[in-house]
């Protein structure tokens, strides 16, 4: 064995500076800490999974400009997930990478809207638009959070997400007004996704504690109402009707049965992490 082979492996991941500065959560009681941890995990998993789904369009989007745009938005989502995972790790004394990559498929808490495979472009646009409108509502309910570190990163995320939503609104209007085939594909995608459209607002076990602590401004049920109002108004403006009765967000993060599409995505984004269990990357 050579001298170089006896040297300890360099922890390349540890060389990266965390995006999130250290913060003090000492004022949080156990119940509030647990409630905040649940919220952070659901938000982080949403951003993480969407980011990986949309990164699948890199190199194959329908036009060069959109290839760049969708790749950039996917990167933003994974960056947002990193912030949220790092906050969760500090809060719980765990490791952000272990949370992101070290769980089994059934342990992720992303909403069911993100369980579908990407399929065609209209489908990805429809899903992204449904998610971005919901995420804007959720972030708005957190922007005055009494937990200052969360309010700070929500401010950063909101600034970037505003551009995502503007971009997707343009695509909704482009597909709705782009002729028979684009409109048909978009309407078909909405119909497929509609049963899961409100699952971003699946009730959290401890959301009442979040509201009492001033971390979240109102209930998930109220946020779902706001989402429906927005979707109805925008679809009406382009002559598309809501594709079915109002769906229920209940059970929208249940992982009792893992979808085949998410199981496939999980194998993709955990591939490197699983190459050597226990290694430091």
C-alpha atoms as a PDB file:
ATOM      1  CA  UNK A   1       0.000   0.000   0.000  1.00  0.00           C
ATOM      2  CA  UNK A   2       1.413   3.390  -0.975  1.00  0.00           C
ATOM      3  CA  UNK A   3       1.584   6.412   1.293  1.00  0.00           C
ATOM      4  CA  UNK A   4      -1.151   8.102  -0.692  1.00  0.00           C
ATOM      5  CA  UNK A   5      -3.414   5.090  -0.199  1.00  0.00           C
ATOM      6  CA  UNK A   6      -3.013   5.283   3.571  1.00  0.00           C
ATOM      7  CA  UNK A   7      -4.107   8.904   3.773  1.00  0.00           C
ATOM      8  CA  UNK A   8      -7.677   9.450   5.024  1.00  0.00           C
ATOM      9  CA  UNK A   9     -10.205  10.213   2.327  1.00  0.00           C
ATOM     10  CA  UNK A  10     -10.843  13.924   1.894  1.00  0.00           C
ATOM     11  CA  UNK A  11     -14.391  14.829   2.892  1.00  0.00           C
ATOM     12  CA  UNK A  12     -15.219  16.751  -0.277  1.00  0.00           C
ATOM     13  CA  UNK A  13     -18.796  17.559   0.772  1.00  0.00           C
ATOM     14  CA  UNK A  14     -17.552  18.997   4.060  1.00  0.00           C
ATOM     15  CA  UNK A  15     -15.485  21.551   2.150  1.00  0.00           C
ATOM     16  CA  UNK A  16     -18.654  23.250   0.966  1.00  0.00           C
ATOM     17  CA  UNK A  17     -19.804  26.108   3.157  1.00  0.00           C
ATOM     18  CA  UNK A  18     -23.397  25.625   4.341  1.00  0.00           C
ATOM     19  CA  UNK A  19     -25.849  28.066   2.787  1.00  0.00           C
ATOM     20  CA  UNK A  20     -27.572  28.625   6.122  1.00  0.00           C
ATOM     21  CA  UNK A  21     -25.780  30.511   8.930  1.00  0.00           C
ATOM     22  CA  UNK A  22     -25.939  29.092  12.438  1.00  0.00           C
ATOM     23  CA  UNK A  23     -29.023  30.162  14.370  1.00  0.00           C
ATOM     24  CA  UNK A  24     -30.347  29.903  17.911  1.00  0.00           C
ATOM     25  CA  UNK A  25     -33.518  27.855  18.432  1.00  0.00           C
ATOM     26  CA  UNK A  26     -33.144  27.711  22.193  1.00  0.00           C
ATOM     27  CA  UNK A  27     -36.405  29.587  22.785  1.00  0.00           C
ATOM     28  CA  UNK A  28     -38.492  26.892  21.092  1.00  0.00           C
ATOM     29  CA  UNK A  29     -40.248  24.413  23.345  1.00  0.00           C
ATOM     30  CA  UNK A  30     -40.270  20.726  22.382  1.00  0.00           C
ATOM     31  CA  UNK A  31     -43.759  20.815  20.847  1.00  0.00           C
ATOM     32  CA  UNK A  32     -42.968  23.837  18.694  1.00  0.00           C
ATOM     33  CA  UNK A  33     -39.623  22.396  17.664  1.00  0.00           C
ATOM     34  CA  UNK A  34     -41.293  19.154  16.530  1.00  0.00           C
ATOM     35  CA  UNK A  35     -44.009  21.052  14.648  1.00  0.00           C
ATOM     36  CA  UNK A  36     -41.422  23.218  12.890  1.00  0.00           C
ATOM     37  CA  UNK A  37     -39.382  20.140  11.983  1.00  0.00           C
ATOM     38  CA  UNK A  38     -42.435  18.568  10.347  1.00  0.00           C
ATOM     39  CA  UNK A  39     -43.123  21.720   8.330  1.00  0.00           C
ATOM     40  CA  UNK A  40     -39.502  22.054   7.193  1.00  0.00           C
ATOM     41  CA  UNK A  41     -39.338  18.424   6.083  1.00  0.00           C
ATOM     42  CA  UNK A  42     -42.480  18.676   3.963  1.00  0.00           C
ATOM     43  CA  UNK A  43     -41.337  21.921   2.331  1.00  0.00           C
ATOM     44  CA  UNK A  44     -37.819  20.659   1.701  1.00  0.00           C
ATOM     45  CA  UNK A  45     -39.019  17.384   0.211  1.00  0.00           C
ATOM     46  CA  UNK A  46     -41.412  19.245  -2.096  1.00  0.00           C
ATOM     47  CA  UNK A  47     -38.635  21.466  -3.436  1.00  0.00           C
ATOM     48  CA  UNK A  48     -36.139  18.618  -3.675  1.00  0.00           C
ATOM     49  CA  UNK A  49     -38.379  16.222  -5.572  1.00  0.00           C
ATOM     50  CA  UNK A  50     -39.688  18.895  -7.959  1.00  0.00           C
ATOM     51  CA  UNK A  51     -36.147  20.025  -8.644  1.00  0.00           C
ATOM     52  CA  UNK A  52     -35.090  16.540  -9.664  1.00  0.00           C
ATOM     53  CA  UNK A  53     -38.186  15.955 -11.800  1.00  0.00           C
ATOM     54  CA  UNK A  54     -37.672  19.196 -13.702  1.00  0.00           C
ATOM     55  CA  UNK A  55     -33.942  18.595 -14.120  1.00  0.00           C
ATOM     56  CA  UNK A  56     -34.985  15.647 -16.314  1.00  0.00           C
ATOM     57  CA  UNK A  57     -35.772  18.205 -19.043  1.00  0.00           C
ATOM     58  CA  UNK A  58     -32.156  19.376 -19.262  1.00  0.00           C
ATOM     59  CA  UNK A  59     -31.070  18.844 -22.835  1.00  0.00           C
ATOM     60  CA  UNK A  60     -34.485  17.799 -24.156  1.00  0.00           C
ATOM     61  CA  UNK A  61     -36.764  20.799 -23.551  1.00  0.00           C
ATOM     62  CA  UNK A  62     -38.726  21.938 -26.643  1.00  0.00           C
ATOM     63  CA  UNK A  63     -36.496  24.962 -27.274  1.00  0.00           C
ATOM     64  CA  UNK A  64     -33.021  26.076 -26.228  1.00  0.00           C
ATOM     65  CA  UNK A  65     -34.197  29.013 -24.113  1.00  0.00           C
ATOM     66  CA  UNK A  66     -36.553  26.747 -22.186  1.00  0.00           C
ATOM     67  CA  UNK A  67     -33.842  24.167 -21.702  1.00  0.00           C
ATOM     68  CA  UNK A  68     -31.839  26.830 -19.888  1.00  0.00           C
ATOM     69  CA  UNK A  69     -34.850  28.220 -17.998  1.00  0.00           C
ATOM     70  CA  UNK A  70     -36.178  24.896 -16.727  1.00  0.00           C
ATOM     71  CA  UNK A  71     -32.686  23.761 -15.728  1.00  0.00           C
ATOM     72  CA  UNK A  72     -32.195  27.019 -13.829  1.00  0.00           C
ATOM     73  CA  UNK A  73     -35.521  26.694 -12.024  1.00  0.00           C
ATOM     74  CA  UNK A  74     -34.748  23.078 -11.126  1.00  0.00           C
ATOM     75  CA  UNK A  75     -31.421  24.197  -9.683  1.00  0.00           C
ATOM     76  CA  UNK A  76     -33.197  26.907  -7.686  1.00  0.00           C
ATOM     77  CA  UNK A  77     -35.572  24.333  -6.179  1.00  0.00           C
ATOM     78  CA  UNK A  78     -32.722  22.072  -5.111  1.00  0.00           C
ATOM     79  CA  UNK A  79     -31.000  25.121  -3.611  1.00  0.00           C
ATOM     80  CA  UNK A  80     -34.151  25.959  -1.659  1.00  0.00           C
ATOM     81  CA  UNK A  81     -34.330  22.360  -0.471  1.00  0.00           C
ATOM     82  CA  UNK A  82     -30.727  22.607   0.712  1.00  0.00           C
ATOM     83  CA  UNK A  83     -31.549  25.660   2.827  1.00  0.00           C
ATOM     84  CA  UNK A  84     -34.543  23.933   4.377  1.00  0.00           C
ATOM     85  CA  UNK A  85     -32.697  20.655   4.994  1.00  0.00           C
ATOM     86  CA  UNK A  86     -29.856  22.580   6.643  1.00  0.00           C
ATOM     87  CA  UNK A  87     -32.314  24.382   8.891  1.00  0.00           C
ATOM     88  CA  UNK A  88     -33.958  21.077   9.779  1.00  0.00           C
ATOM     89  CA  UNK A  89     -30.568  19.505  10.486  1.00  0.00           C
ATOM     90  CA  UNK A  90     -29.577  22.327  12.846  1.00  0.00           C
ATOM     91  CA  UNK A  91     -32.948  22.137  14.552  1.00  0.00           C
ATOM     92  CA  UNK A  92     -32.774  18.378  15.131  1.00  0.00           C
ATOM     93  CA  UNK A  93     -29.033  17.796  15.467  1.00  0.00           C
ATOM     94  CA  UNK A  94     -28.849  15.671  12.327  1.00  0.00           C
ATOM     95  CA  UNK A  95     -27.110  15.911   8.939  1.00  0.00           C
ATOM     96  CA  UNK A  96     -28.640  17.662   5.923  1.00  0.00           C
ATOM     97  CA  UNK A  97     -27.176  15.238   3.383  1.00  0.00           C
ATOM     98  CA  UNK A  98     -28.401  12.247   5.372  1.00  0.00           C
ATOM     99  CA  UNK A  99     -31.908  13.706   5.400  1.00  0.00           C
ATOM    100  CA  UNK A 100     -31.824  14.460   1.678  1.00  0.00           C
ATOM    101  CA  UNK A 101     -30.268  11.238   0.416  1.00  0.00           C
ATOM    102  CA  UNK A 102     -30.272   8.714   3.258  1.00  0.00           C
ATOM    103  CA  UNK A 103     -33.943   7.868   3.590  1.00  0.00           C
ATOM    104  CA  UNK A 104     -35.962   5.093   2.007  1.00  0.00           C
ATOM    105  CA  UNK A 105     -38.616   6.054  -0.590  1.00  0.00           C
ATOM    106  CA  UNK A 106     -41.488   5.685   1.883  1.00  0.00           C
ATOM    107  CA  UNK A 107     -39.896   8.170   4.280  1.00  0.00           C
ATOM    108  CA  UNK A 108     -40.136  11.214   1.998  1.00  0.00           C
ATOM    109  CA  UNK A 109     -42.967  13.654   2.750  1.00  0.00           C
ATOM    110  CA  UNK A 110     -43.392  15.461  -0.581  1.00  0.00           C
ATOM    111  CA  UNK A 111     -46.945  16.082  -1.723  1.00  0.00           C
ATOM    112  CA  UNK A 112     -48.684  13.594  -4.014  1.00  0.00           C
ATOM    113  CA  UNK A 113     -48.765  16.168  -6.826  1.00  0.00           C
ATOM    114  CA  UNK A 114     -45.063  15.372  -7.235  1.00  0.00           C
ATOM    115  CA  UNK A 115     -45.471  11.607  -7.439  1.00  0.00           C
ATOM    116  CA  UNK A 116     -46.320  11.626 -11.145  1.00  0.00           C
ATOM    117  CA  UNK A 117     -43.680  11.001 -13.849  1.00  0.00           C
ATOM    118  CA  UNK A 118     -42.852  14.016 -16.023  1.00  0.00           C
ATOM    119  CA  UNK A 119     -44.439  12.604 -19.270  1.00  0.00           C
ATOM    120  CA  UNK A 120     -44.786  15.364 -21.911  1.00  0.00           C
ATOM    121  CA  UNK A 121     -44.039  19.092 -21.836  1.00  0.00           C
ATOM    122  CA  UNK A 122     -47.639  20.188 -21.255  1.00  0.00           C
ATOM    123  CA  UNK A 123     -47.854  17.853 -18.267  1.00  0.00           C
ATOM    124  CA  UNK A 124     -44.665  19.249 -16.714  1.00  0.00           C
ATOM    125  CA  UNK A 125     -45.872  22.811 -17.292  1.00  0.00           C
ATOM    126  CA  UNK A 126     -49.249  22.036 -15.704  1.00  0.00           C
ATOM    127  CA  UNK A 127     -47.686  20.391 -12.670  1.00  0.00           C
ATOM    128  CA  UNK A 128     -45.090  23.094 -12.243  1.00  0.00           C
ATOM    129  CA  UNK A 129     -47.760  25.790 -12.468  1.00  0.00           C
ATOM    130  CA  UNK A 130     -50.027  24.047  -9.944  1.00  0.00           C
ATOM    131  CA  UNK A 131     -47.118  23.648  -7.548  1.00  0.00           C
ATOM    132  CA  UNK A 132     -45.740  27.162  -7.969  1.00  0.00           C
ATOM    133  CA  UNK A 133     -49.109  28.801  -7.315  1.00  0.00           C
ATOM    134  CA  UNK A 134     -49.525  26.678  -4.175  1.00  0.00           C
ATOM    135  CA  UNK A 135     -45.978  27.332  -3.033  1.00  0.00           C
ATOM    136  CA  UNK A 136     -46.514  31.089  -3.386  1.00  0.00           C
ATOM    137  CA  UNK A 137     -49.543  30.850  -1.094  1.00  0.00           C
ATOM    138  CA  UNK A 138     -47.603  28.782   1.459  1.00  0.00           C
ATOM    139  CA  UNK A 139     -44.563  31.066   1.429  1.00  0.00           C
ATOM    140  CA  UNK A 140     -46.778  34.121   1.871  1.00  0.00           C
ATOM    141  CA  UNK A 141     -48.206  32.512   5.018  1.00  0.00           C
ATOM    142  CA  UNK A 142     -44.669  32.132   6.406  1.00  0.00           C
ATOM    143  CA  UNK A 143     -43.109  35.467   5.467  1.00  0.00           C
ATOM    144  CA  UNK A 144     -43.904  37.046   8.864  1.00  0.00           C
ATOM    145  CA  UNK A 145     -42.989  33.943  10.845  1.00  0.00           C
ATOM    146  CA  UNK A 146     -42.037  34.575  14.459  1.00  0.00           C
ATOM    147  CA  UNK A 147     -39.118  32.198  13.950  1.00  0.00           C
ATOM    148  CA  UNK A 148     -36.786  34.767  12.427  1.00  0.00           C
ATOM    149  CA  UNK A 149     -34.382  32.337  10.651  1.00  0.00           C
ATOM    150  CA  UNK A 150     -37.327  30.848   8.747  1.00  0.00           C
ATOM    151  CA  UNK A 151     -38.746  34.266   7.840  1.00  0.00           C
ATOM    152  CA  UNK A 152     -35.313  35.232   6.501  1.00  0.00           C
ATOM    153  CA  UNK A 153     -34.906  32.259   4.166  1.00  0.00           C
ATOM    154  CA  UNK A 154     -38.559  32.466   3.090  1.00  0.00           C
ATOM    155  CA  UNK A 155     -37.821  36.021   1.947  1.00  0.00           C
ATOM    156  CA  UNK A 156     -34.942  34.756  -0.191  1.00  0.00           C
ATOM    157  CA  UNK A 157     -36.990  31.885  -1.624  1.00  0.00           C
ATOM    158  CA  UNK A 158     -39.979  34.128  -2.396  1.00  0.00           C
ATOM    159  CA  UNK A 159     -37.842  36.462  -4.490  1.00  0.00           C
ATOM    160  CA  UNK A 160     -36.740  33.587  -6.709  1.00  0.00           C
ATOM    161  CA  UNK A 161     -40.110  31.825  -6.791  1.00  0.00           C
ATOM    162  CA  UNK A 162     -41.812  34.986  -8.010  1.00  0.00           C
ATOM    163  CA  UNK A 163     -39.908  34.641 -11.285  1.00  0.00           C
ATOM    164  CA  UNK A 164     -40.755  30.946 -11.508  1.00  0.00           C
ATOM    165  CA  UNK A 165     -44.452  31.699 -11.205  1.00  0.00           C
ATOM    166  CA  UNK A 166     -44.290  34.485 -13.799  1.00  0.00           C
ATOM    167  CA  UNK A 167     -42.581  32.096 -16.190  1.00  0.00           C
ATOM    168  CA  UNK A 168     -45.164  29.371 -15.675  1.00  0.00           C
ATOM    169  CA  UNK A 169     -48.083  31.797 -16.036  1.00  0.00           C
ATOM    170  CA  UNK A 170     -46.697  32.708 -19.462  1.00  0.00           C
ATOM    171  CA  UNK A 171     -46.549  29.043 -20.416  1.00  0.00           C
ATOM    172  CA  UNK A 172     -50.126  28.414 -19.258  1.00  0.00           C
ATOM    173  CA  UNK A 173     -51.335  31.215 -21.521  1.00  0.00           C
ATOM    174  CA  UNK A 174     -49.116  30.011 -24.356  1.00  0.00           C
ATOM    175  CA  UNK A 175     -50.491  26.478 -24.226  1.00  0.00           C
ATOM    176  CA  UNK A 176     -54.083  27.575 -23.693  1.00  0.00           C
ATOM    177  CA  UNK A 177     -53.936  29.942 -26.667  1.00  0.00           C
ATOM    178  CA  UNK A 178     -51.518  28.056 -28.871  1.00  0.00           C
ATOM    179  CA  UNK A 179     -53.944  26.068 -30.952  1.00  0.00           C
ATOM    180  CA  UNK A 180     -55.961  22.896 -30.630  1.00  0.00           C
ATOM    181  CA  UNK A 181     -53.163  20.423 -29.881  1.00  0.00           C
ATOM    182  CA  UNK A 182     -51.276  22.401 -27.178  1.00  0.00           C
ATOM    183  CA  UNK A 183     -54.552  23.313 -25.482  1.00  0.00           C
ATOM    184  CA  UNK A 184     -55.790  19.719 -25.582  1.00  0.00           C
ATOM    185  CA  UNK A 185     -52.573  18.436 -24.043  1.00  0.00           C
ATOM    186  CA  UNK A 186     -52.663  21.068 -21.301  1.00  0.00           C
ATOM    187  CA  UNK A 187     -56.296  20.347 -20.452  1.00  0.00           C
ATOM    188  CA  UNK A 188     -55.574  16.623 -20.382  1.00  0.00           C
ATOM    189  CA  UNK A 189     -52.648  17.217 -18.016  1.00  0.00           C
ATOM    190  CA  UNK A 190     -54.781  19.362 -15.709  1.00  0.00           C
ATOM    191  CA  UNK A 191     -57.450  16.674 -15.581  1.00  0.00           C
ATOM    192  CA  UNK A 192     -54.843  14.069 -14.663  1.00  0.00           C
ATOM    193  CA  UNK A 193     -53.268  16.239 -11.971  1.00  0.00           C
ATOM    194  CA  UNK A 194     -56.381  17.858 -10.554  1.00  0.00           C
ATOM    195  CA  UNK A 195     -57.121  15.185  -7.894  1.00  0.00           C
ATOM    196  CA  UNK A 196     -53.711  15.998  -6.376  1.00  0.00           C
ATOM    197  CA  UNK A 197     -53.742  19.755  -7.012  1.00  0.00           C
ATOM    198  CA  UNK A 198     -54.230  20.728  -3.352  1.00  0.00           C
ATOM    199  CA  UNK A 199     -51.957  18.153  -1.742  1.00  0.00           C
ATOM    200  CA  UNK A 200     -49.328  20.817  -1.021  1.00  0.00           C
ATOM    201  CA  UNK A 201     -51.786  21.774   1.734  1.00  0.00           C
ATOM    202  CA  UNK A 202     -52.232  18.325   3.246  1.00  0.00           C
ATOM    203  CA  UNK A 203     -52.922  18.911   6.960  1.00  0.00           C
ATOM    204  CA  UNK A 204     -49.887  18.699   9.231  1.00  0.00           C
ATOM    205  CA  UNK A 205     -50.161  16.835  12.514  1.00  0.00           C
ATOM    206  CA  UNK A 206     -48.955  19.836  14.517  1.00  0.00           C
ATOM    207  CA  UNK A 207     -50.085  22.770  12.397  1.00  0.00           C
ATOM    208  CA  UNK A 208     -52.203  24.189  15.250  1.00  0.00           C
ATOM    209  CA  UNK A 209     -49.012  24.551  17.280  1.00  0.00           C
ATOM    210  CA  UNK A 210     -47.363  26.366  14.360  1.00  0.00           C
ATOM    211  CA  UNK A 211     -50.272  28.809  14.217  1.00  0.00           C
ATOM    212  CA  UNK A 212     -50.294  29.340  17.990  1.00  0.00           C
ATOM    213  CA  UNK A 213     -46.562  30.044  17.907  1.00  0.00           C
ATOM    214  CA  UNK A 214     -46.967  32.512  15.034  1.00  0.00           C
ATOM    215  CA  UNK A 215     -44.742  30.495  12.709  1.00  0.00           C
ATOM    216  CA  UNK A 216     -47.586  29.859  10.245  1.00  0.00           C
ATOM    217  CA  UNK A 217     -50.239  32.533   9.779  1.00  0.00           C
ATOM    218  CA  UNK A 218     -53.244  30.278   9.139  1.00  0.00           C
ATOM    219  CA  UNK A 219     -54.352  26.703   8.579  1.00  0.00           C
ATOM    220  CA  UNK A 220     -53.539  24.571   5.564  1.00  0.00           C
ATOM    221  CA  UNK A 221     -57.277  24.368   4.849  1.00  0.00           C
ATOM    222  CA  UNK A 222     -57.468  28.163   4.546  1.00  0.00           C
ATOM    223  CA  UNK A 223     -54.402  28.186   2.309  1.00  0.00           C
ATOM    224  CA  UNK A 224     -56.034  25.574   0.083  1.00  0.00           C
ATOM    225  CA  UNK A 225     -59.061  27.881  -0.264  1.00  0.00           C
ATOM    226  CA  UNK A 226     -56.768  30.677  -1.452  1.00  0.00           C
ATOM    227  CA  UNK A 227     -55.144  28.329  -3.933  1.00  0.00           C
ATOM    228  CA  UNK A 228     -58.493  27.337  -5.454  1.00  0.00           C
ATOM    229  CA  UNK A 229     -59.445  31.014  -5.863  1.00  0.00           C
ATOM    230  CA  UNK A 230     -56.201  31.712  -7.731  1.00  0.00           C
ATOM    231  CA  UNK A 231     -56.451  28.682  -9.987  1.00  0.00           C
ATOM    232  CA  UNK A 232     -60.067  29.409 -10.842  1.00  0.00           C
ATOM    233  CA  UNK A 233     -59.334  33.031 -11.724  1.00  0.00           C
ATOM    234  CA  UNK A 234     -56.332  32.257 -13.929  1.00  0.00           C
ATOM    235  CA  UNK A 235     -57.954  29.341 -15.767  1.00  0.00           C
ATOM    236  CA  UNK A 236     -61.104  31.381 -16.309  1.00  0.00           C
ATOM    237  CA  UNK A 237     -59.022  34.152 -17.886  1.00  0.00           C
ATOM    238  CA  UNK A 238     -57.798  31.721 -20.561  1.00  0.00           C
ATOM    239  CA  UNK A 239     -61.189  30.058 -21.076  1.00  0.00           C
ATOM    240  CA  UNK A 240     -60.458  26.791 -19.247  1.00  0.00           C
ATOM    241  CA  UNK A 241     -62.792  25.459 -16.577  1.00  0.00           C
ATOM    242  CA  UNK A 242     -61.670  23.667 -13.416  1.00  0.00           C
ATOM    243  CA  UNK A 243     -61.490  20.020 -14.542  1.00  0.00           C
ATOM    244  CA  UNK A 244     -63.494  18.464 -11.721  1.00  0.00           C
ATOM    245  CA  UNK A 245     -64.919  18.842  -8.228  1.00  0.00           C
ATOM    246  CA  UNK A 246     -62.716  20.370  -5.575  1.00  0.00           C
ATOM    247  CA  UNK A 247     -60.184  17.729  -4.494  1.00  0.00           C
ATOM    248  CA  UNK A 248     -59.340  17.005  -0.880  1.00  0.00           C
ATOM    249  CA  UNK A 249     -55.786  17.593   0.329  1.00  0.00           C
ATOM    250  CA  UNK A 250     -56.232  15.001   3.098  1.00  0.00           C
ATOM    251  CA  UNK A 251     -53.676  12.219   2.886  1.00  0.00           C
ATOM    252  CA  UNK A 252     -51.716  14.183   0.332  1.00  0.00           C
ATOM    253  CA  UNK A 253     -48.379  13.280   1.887  1.00  0.00           C
ATOM    254  CA  UNK A 254     -49.197   9.693   2.811  1.00  0.00           C
ATOM    255  CA  UNK A 255     -46.415   7.325   1.740  1.00  0.00           C
ATOM    256  CA  UNK A 256     -48.180   4.095   2.693  1.00  0.00           C
ATOM    257  CA  UNK A 257     -47.819   3.120  -0.956  1.00  0.00           C
ATOM    258  CA  UNK A 258     -44.839   4.507  -2.867  1.00  0.00           C
ATOM    259  CA  UNK A 259     -45.556   5.271  -6.510  1.00  0.00           C
ATOM    260  CA  UNK A 260     -43.450   3.488  -9.110  1.00  0.00           C
ATOM    261  CA  UNK A 261     -42.485   6.833 -10.644  1.00  0.00           C
ATOM    262  CA  UNK A 262     -41.103   8.212  -7.367  1.00  0.00           C
ATOM    263  CA  UNK A 263     -39.320   4.954  -6.600  1.00  0.00           C
ATOM    264  CA  UNK A 264     -37.560   5.323  -9.965  1.00  0.00           C
ATOM    265  CA  UNK A 265     -36.662   8.970  -9.273  1.00  0.00           C
ATOM    266  CA  UNK A 266     -35.344   8.019  -5.821  1.00  0.00           C
ATOM    267  CA  UNK A 267     -32.973   5.478  -7.360  1.00  0.00           C
ATOM    268  CA  UNK A 268     -31.682   8.231  -9.639  1.00  0.00           C
ATOM    269  CA  UNK A 269     -31.035  10.961  -7.070  1.00  0.00           C
ATOM    270  CA  UNK A 270     -29.626   8.619  -4.399  1.00  0.00           C
ATOM    271  CA  UNK A 271     -27.431   6.633  -6.800  1.00  0.00           C
ATOM    272  CA  UNK A 272     -24.112   8.231  -5.857  1.00  0.00           C
ATOM    273  CA  UNK A 273     -24.951   8.310  -2.147  1.00  0.00           C
ATOM    274  CA  UNK A 274     -25.667   4.575  -2.219  1.00  0.00           C
ATOM    275  CA  UNK A 275     -22.473   3.612  -4.046  1.00  0.00           C
ATOM    276  CA  UNK A 276     -20.629   3.146  -0.746  1.00  0.00           C
ATOM    277  CA  UNK A 277     -22.698   3.173   2.415  1.00  0.00           C
ATOM    278  CA  UNK A 278     -21.100   5.258   5.155  1.00  0.00           C
ATOM    279  CA  UNK A 279     -18.704   7.085   2.851  1.00  0.00           C
ATOM    280  CA  UNK A 280     -18.224  10.830   3.189  1.00  0.00           C
ATOM    281  CA  UNK A 281     -18.790  12.539  -0.165  1.00  0.00           C
END
